[in-house]
C-alpha atoms as a PDB file:
ATOM      1  CA  UNK A   1     -84.019  73.608-109.196  1.00  0.00           C
ATOM      2  CA  UNK A   2     -86.576  72.674-111.571  1.00  0.00           C
ATOM      3  CA  UNK A   3     -90.607  73.339-109.545  1.00  0.00           C
ATOM      4  CA  UNK A   4     -91.603  69.203-110.624  1.00  0.00           C
ATOM      5  CA  UNK A   5     -91.208  67.148-107.565  1.00  0.00           C
ATOM      6  CA  UNK A   6     -89.590  63.213-108.323  1.00  0.00           C
ATOM      7  CA  UNK A   7     -92.373  61.099-106.775  1.00  0.00           C
ATOM      8  CA  UNK A   8     -91.464  59.348-103.581  1.00  0.00           C
ATOM      9  CA  UNK A   9     -90.404  55.529-104.213  1.00  0.00           C
ATOM     10  CA  UNK A  10     -91.739  52.635-102.312  1.00  0.00           C
ATOM     11  CA  UNK A  11     -89.055  50.270-100.987  1.00  0.00           C
ATOM     12  CA  UNK A  12     -89.985  46.884-100.786  1.00  0.00           C
ATOM     13  CA  UNK A  13     -89.494  43.850 -98.762  1.00  0.00           C
ATOM     14  CA  UNK A  14     -87.464  42.273-100.272  1.00  0.00           C
ATOM     15  CA  UNK A  15     -86.678  39.267 -98.737  1.00  0.00           C
ATOM     16  CA  UNK A  16     -90.435  38.686 -98.617  1.00  0.00           C
ATOM     17  CA  UNK A  17     -90.767  38.556-102.449  1.00  0.00           C
ATOM     18  CA  UNK A  18     -88.208  35.743-103.074  1.00  0.00           C
ATOM     19  CA  UNK A  19     -90.650  33.139-104.026  1.00  0.00           C
ATOM     20  CA  UNK A  20     -92.405  35.876-106.351  1.00  0.00           C
ATOM     21  CA  UNK A  21     -91.907  36.335-110.471  1.00  0.00           C
ATOM     22  CA  UNK A  22     -91.745  39.863-111.208  1.00  0.00           C
ATOM     23  CA  UNK A  23     -94.174  39.541-113.995  1.00  0.00           C
ATOM     24  CA  UNK A  24     -95.587  43.006-112.748  1.00  0.00           C
ATOM     25  CA  UNK A  25     -92.110  44.989-112.255  1.00  0.00           C
ATOM     26  CA  UNK A  26     -92.086  47.188-115.750  1.00  0.00           C
ATOM     27  CA  UNK A  27     -88.639  46.559-117.639  1.00  0.00           C
ATOM     28  CA  UNK A  28     -86.863  49.310-117.843  1.00  0.00           C
ATOM     29  CA  UNK A  29     -85.425  51.688-120.310  1.00  0.00           C
ATOM     30  CA  UNK A  30     -81.796  52.007-121.169  1.00  0.00           C
ATOM     31  CA  UNK A  31     -80.162  54.458-120.626  1.00  0.00           C
ATOM     32  CA  UNK A  32     -77.391  54.522-124.507  1.00  0.00           C
ATOM     33  CA  UNK A  33     -76.170  56.812-127.301  1.00  0.00           C
ATOM     34  CA  UNK A  34     -78.230  56.080-129.712  1.00  0.00           C
ATOM     35  CA  UNK A  35     -75.889  55.178-133.175  1.00  0.00           C
ATOM     36  CA  UNK A  36     -76.373  57.993-135.717  1.00  0.00           C
ATOM     37  CA  UNK A  37     -78.749  58.748-137.785  1.00  0.00           C
ATOM     38  CA  UNK A  38     -81.825  60.245-138.182  1.00  0.00           C
ATOM     39  CA  UNK A  39     -84.233  59.571-135.344  1.00  0.00           C
ATOM     40  CA  UNK A  40     -88.004  60.654-133.649  1.00  0.00           C
ATOM     41  CA  UNK A  41     -87.089  61.959-129.816  1.00  0.00           C
ATOM     42  CA  UNK A  42     -89.079  62.777-127.554  1.00  0.00           C
ATOM     43  CA  UNK A  43     -87.917  65.335-124.040  1.00  0.00           C
ATOM     44  CA  UNK A  44     -89.301  62.714-120.775  1.00  0.00           C
ATOM     45  CA  UNK A  45     -87.547  66.079-118.015  1.00  0.00           C
ATOM     46  CA  UNK A  46     -85.205  68.481-118.267  1.00  0.00           C
ATOM     47  CA  UNK A  47     -83.818  69.319-114.438  1.00  0.00           C
ATOM     48  CA  UNK A  48     -81.117  71.139-113.065  1.00  0.00           C
ATOM     49  CA  UNK A  49     -78.700  69.535-110.873  1.00  0.00           C
ATOM     50  CA  UNK A  50     -76.093  70.017-108.428  1.00  0.00           C
ATOM     51  CA  UNK A  51     -72.361  68.581-109.341  1.00  0.00           C
ATOM     52  CA  UNK A  52     -68.858  67.442-107.751  1.00  0.00           C
ATOM     53  CA  UNK A  53     -65.872  66.405-109.658  1.00  0.00           C
ATOM     54  CA  UNK A  54     -63.521  64.824-107.867  1.00  0.00           C
ATOM     55  CA  UNK A  55     -59.854  66.018-107.855  1.00  0.00           C
ATOM     56  CA  UNK A  56     -58.075  65.178-110.169  1.00  0.00           C
ATOM     57  CA  UNK A  57     -53.560  64.971-111.938  1.00  0.00           C
ATOM     58  CA  UNK A  58     -52.804  68.220-109.242  1.00  0.00           C
ATOM     59  CA  UNK A  59     -56.082  70.152-109.935  1.00  0.00           C
ATOM     60  CA  UNK A  60     -59.074  70.223-106.659  1.00  0.00           C
ATOM     61  CA  UNK A  61     -62.481  68.990-106.487  1.00  0.00           C
ATOM     62  CA  UNK A  62     -64.878  71.001-108.342  1.00  0.00           C
ATOM     63  CA  UNK A  63     -68.627  72.068-107.956  1.00  0.00           C
ATOM     64  CA  UNK A  64     -71.058  74.161-110.420  1.00  0.00           C
ATOM     65  CA  UNK A  65     -74.677  73.740-111.615  1.00  0.00           C
ATOM     66  CA  UNK A  66     -75.812  72.078-115.034  1.00  0.00           C
ATOM     67  CA  UNK A  67     -78.999  71.137-117.306  1.00  0.00           C
ATOM     68  CA  UNK A  68     -79.580  67.568-117.926  1.00  0.00           C
ATOM     69  CA  UNK A  69     -82.002  67.541-120.281  1.00  0.00           C
ATOM     70  CA  UNK A  70     -82.895  63.437-120.139  1.00  0.00           C
ATOM     71  CA  UNK A  71     -85.013  62.508-123.830  1.00  0.00           C
ATOM     72  CA  UNK A  72     -86.030  59.203-125.243  1.00  0.00           C
ATOM     73  CA  UNK A  73     -85.800  57.213-129.287  1.00  0.00           C
ATOM     74  CA  UNK A  74     -90.161  57.113-130.425  1.00  0.00           C
ATOM     75  CA  UNK A  75     -88.438  56.305-133.746  1.00  0.00           C
ATOM     76  CA  UNK A  76     -85.599  55.145-135.966  1.00  0.00           C
ATOM     77  CA  UNK A  77     -86.264  56.752-139.031  1.00  0.00           C
ATOM     78  CA  UNK A  78     -82.115  56.288-141.161  1.00  0.00           C
ATOM     79  CA  UNK A  79     -79.781  54.403-139.421  1.00  0.00           C
ATOM     80  CA  UNK A  80     -75.957  55.130-141.419  1.00  0.00           C
ATOM     81  CA  UNK A  81     -74.428  52.120-142.323  1.00  0.00           C
ATOM     82  CA  UNK A  82     -74.074  49.342-140.278  1.00  0.00           C
ATOM     83  CA  UNK A  83     -75.817  50.629-137.156  1.00  0.00           C
ATOM     84  CA  UNK A  84     -77.705  48.414-135.068  1.00  0.00           C
ATOM     85  CA  UNK A  85     -81.009  50.402-134.352  1.00  0.00           C
ATOM     86  CA  UNK A  86     -81.302  51.141-130.210  1.00  0.00           C
ATOM     87  CA  UNK A  87     -85.765  49.552-129.578  1.00  0.00           C
ATOM     88  CA  UNK A  88     -87.578  52.291-128.640  1.00  0.00           C
ATOM     89  CA  UNK A  89     -87.931  53.843-125.735  1.00  0.00           C
ATOM     90  CA  UNK A  90     -84.165  53.972-124.973  1.00  0.00           C
ATOM     91  CA  UNK A  91     -83.268  56.869-122.775  1.00  0.00           C
ATOM     92  CA  UNK A  92     -79.863  59.793-123.799  1.00  0.00           C
ATOM     93  CA  UNK A  93     -78.920  63.032-121.862  1.00  0.00           C
ATOM     94  CA  UNK A  94     -77.265  64.938-122.351  1.00  0.00           C
ATOM     95  CA  UNK A  95     -75.903  67.673-120.158  1.00  0.00           C
ATOM     96  CA  UNK A  96     -74.992  71.974-120.146  1.00  0.00           C
ATOM     97  CA  UNK A  97     -73.708  73.776-117.796  1.00  0.00           C
ATOM     98  CA  UNK A  98     -74.530  76.452-115.242  1.00  0.00           C
ATOM     99  CA  UNK A  99     -72.207  79.157-117.317  1.00  0.00           C
ATOM    100  CA  UNK A 100     -73.445  81.144-119.847  1.00  0.00           C
ATOM    101  CA  UNK A 101     -71.581  79.174-122.750  1.00  0.00           C
ATOM    102  CA  UNK A 102     -73.075  76.610-121.254  1.00  0.00           C
ATOM    103  CA  UNK A 103     -76.497  78.671-120.811  1.00  0.00           C
ATOM    104  CA  UNK A 104     -76.283  79.811-124.421  1.00  0.00           C
ATOM    105  CA  UNK A 105     -75.772  76.195-126.000  1.00  0.00           C
ATOM    106  CA  UNK A 106     -78.833  75.366-124.104  1.00  0.00           C
ATOM    107  CA  UNK A 107     -80.970  78.545-124.727  1.00  0.00           C
ATOM    108  CA  UNK A 108     -79.818  77.865-129.042  1.00  0.00           C
ATOM    109  CA  UNK A 109     -81.091  74.260-128.343  1.00  0.00           C
ATOM    110  CA  UNK A 110     -84.543  74.989-126.271  1.00  0.00           C
ATOM    111  CA  UNK A 111     -85.850  77.139-129.485  1.00  0.00           C
ATOM    112  CA  UNK A 112     -85.025  74.909-131.860  1.00  0.00           C
ATOM    113  CA  UNK A 113     -86.448  72.368-130.594  1.00  0.00           C
ATOM    114  CA  UNK A 114     -90.174  74.210-128.959  1.00  0.00           C
ATOM    115  CA  UNK A 115     -89.340  75.404-132.929  1.00  0.00           C
ATOM    116  CA  UNK A 116     -90.017  79.089-132.013  1.00  0.00           C
ATOM    117  CA  UNK A 117     -88.082  82.165-132.795  1.00  0.00           C
ATOM    118  CA  UNK A 118     -86.577  83.372-129.758  1.00  0.00           C
ATOM    119  CA  UNK A 119     -88.210  83.338-125.793  1.00  0.00           C
ATOM    120  CA  UNK A 120     -87.021  86.905-125.136  1.00  0.00           C
ATOM    121  CA  UNK A 121     -89.098  87.353-121.629  1.00  0.00           C
ATOM    122  CA  UNK A 122     -89.684  83.644-121.094  1.00  0.00           C
ATOM    123  CA  UNK A 123     -87.785  82.178-117.643  1.00  0.00           C
ATOM    124  CA  UNK A 124     -86.067  79.528-117.412  1.00  0.00           C
ATOM    125  CA  UNK A 125     -88.318  77.220-115.271  1.00  0.00           C
ATOM    126  CA  UNK A 126     -90.850  77.660-118.084  1.00  0.00           C
ATOM    127  CA  UNK A 127     -88.488  76.813-120.765  1.00  0.00           C
ATOM    128  CA  UNK A 128     -87.472  73.559-119.411  1.00  0.00           C
ATOM    129  CA  UNK A 129     -91.492  72.250-118.489  1.00  0.00           C
ATOM    130  CA  UNK A 130     -92.009  73.714-121.779  1.00  0.00           C
ATOM    131  CA  UNK A 131     -89.165  71.309-123.416  1.00  0.00           C
ATOM    132  CA  UNK A 132     -91.793  68.726-121.799  1.00  0.00           C
ATOM    133  CA  UNK A 133     -92.949  66.452-123.049  1.00  0.00           C
ATOM    134  CA  UNK A 134     -92.217  67.945-127.028  1.00  0.00           C
ATOM    135  CA  UNK A 135     -91.033  65.301-129.880  1.00  0.00           C
ATOM    136  CA  UNK A 136     -89.098  66.771-132.440  1.00  0.00           C
ATOM    137  CA  UNK A 137     -86.974  64.679-135.255  1.00  0.00           C
ATOM    138  CA  UNK A 138     -83.085  65.033-135.117  1.00  0.00           C
ATOM    139  CA  UNK A 139     -80.160  64.065-136.402  1.00  0.00           C
ATOM    140  CA  UNK A 140     -77.627  61.859-133.754  1.00  0.00           C
ATOM    141  CA  UNK A 141     -74.106  61.925-134.448  1.00  0.00           C
ATOM    142  CA  UNK A 142     -70.254  60.762-132.094  1.00  0.00           C
ATOM    143  CA  UNK A 143     -67.485  61.642-132.171  1.00  0.00           C
ATOM    144  CA  UNK A 144     -65.132  60.251-130.566  1.00  0.00           C
ATOM    145  CA  UNK A 145     -62.120  61.851-128.287  1.00  0.00           C
ATOM    146  CA  UNK A 146     -58.924  60.346-127.182  1.00  0.00           C
ATOM    147  CA  UNK A 147     -56.679  62.535-125.463  1.00  0.00           C
ATOM    148  CA  UNK A 148     -54.384  61.933-122.359  1.00  0.00           C
ATOM    149  CA  UNK A 149     -56.704  62.019-119.604  1.00  0.00           C
ATOM    150  CA  UNK A 150     -59.042  58.905-121.973  1.00  0.00           C
ATOM    151  CA  UNK A 151     -61.447  58.195-125.099  1.00  0.00           C
ATOM    152  CA  UNK A 152     -64.836  60.293-125.296  1.00  0.00           C
ATOM    153  CA  UNK A 153     -67.822  59.581-126.424  1.00  0.00           C
ATOM    154  CA  UNK A 154     -69.360  63.508-127.630  1.00  0.00           C
ATOM    155  CA  UNK A 155     -73.518  63.121-128.243  1.00  0.00           C
ATOM    156  CA  UNK A 156     -73.510  65.914-130.907  1.00  0.00           C
ATOM    157  CA  UNK A 157     -78.303  65.978-131.889  1.00  0.00           C
ATOM    158  CA  UNK A 158     -79.295  68.520-134.344  1.00  0.00           C
ATOM    159  CA  UNK A 159     -82.298  69.391-134.390  1.00  0.00           C
ATOM    160  CA  UNK A 160     -84.340  69.586-137.820  1.00  0.00           C
ATOM    161  CA  UNK A 161     -87.554  71.887-138.287  1.00  0.00           C
ATOM    162  CA  UNK A 162     -90.382  70.877-139.281  1.00  0.00           C
ATOM    163  CA  UNK A 163     -91.364  71.410-142.853  1.00  0.00           C
ATOM    164  CA  UNK A 164     -93.492  75.002-142.948  1.00  0.00           C
ATOM    165  CA  UNK A 165     -97.229  73.224-144.773  1.00  0.00           C
END
């Protein structure tokens, strides 16, 4: 598990607040996949999480661990014609399965996000911690896949390396 701990939320007495306004309560960002386009992103968090799938179509439930990368839109640089921009601060997340293949995809993404040659000798924890607050330019593209199980939206993020000066 990632060493960073989540702050404990304060439980509010909502009954005592019924006659108060919510003016002091901050607006929370939406979680929306950004439309196809070019963006400036910032990694907000990178953590491991456990999950369990539900049994479906006679297949048993499965459990595992994955890496969840949560990203914020800092700036929309260019959109595909006809697309509506999402507000700056909008969040989206991607997951990488805790398998050799999933870690391979995560490693490749981390190298590009960190703009380094490799991550040899660097622990997974240090890579994950190093990604937090990282800003980068990228192209977002959504692919819609329809199968007998339903329709799925797959967000593909391609990092645009910084131009050498």
